[in-house]
């Protein structure tokens, strides 16, 4: 990983990037005009990539920072600072997710989806490491070394992204959504009990004044009429 300056016109946009927000670009243009680029974009150099019908070697592909890149182009900048990461598709996506997780416009569902995807990528990296032969390891002499301790996935996601372990665990283990039974499918007794519980709950939440008004409104109504006739 290294940081350097790169020509803005050389940077290729990948397929995963979300659509540009004009408002976000406008805000960044104002900020970058006054303060400059506060956080470099990130790119990875792809060995071979087809660009406009031609095969390009060493093409810089954007990983994170599309709005910053658009703002730089709007300002007429010829170059922009970037962090160049390894040409590894899994690590590049993890880098992108880690940066996007701190966007303010993410909903909880979107954040949880990002967390689950990041965890899946960690599992993929670990599986790859297990499959690959370890040819450079020195031979063991005598007693073998104990296997290294492997961090839990939730702990690694939290460490890598700056989120709390609890937040990550909630995203990885969401509570099951209770099945909603349509009112028409319930028995008459269940419907009556549900209505009674709703009335009791509303009554308990009401102030004494509201209860007195409700009693006045119910006097002579159908509920009390039935009570009188039954007596």
Foldseek 3Di string as FASTA:
>chain_A
DDKDKDFLVQEAEDDPDDDDDPVLLVVLLVVCVPPNDPDFWEWEFDQWDQDPNDIDGRRTYTLDDPSVSVSCVVVVHRMTMYHYDYPDVLVSPLVSLLVVLPDPPDDLLRNLVSLQVNLVSVVVVVVVVVPDDDVPDDDDDDDDDDDDDDDDSLVVSCVSNVHDSVSSVCSVDPDDDDDDDDPVPDDPVVVVVVVVVVVVVVVVPDDPVVVVVVVVVCVVPPVVVVVVVVD
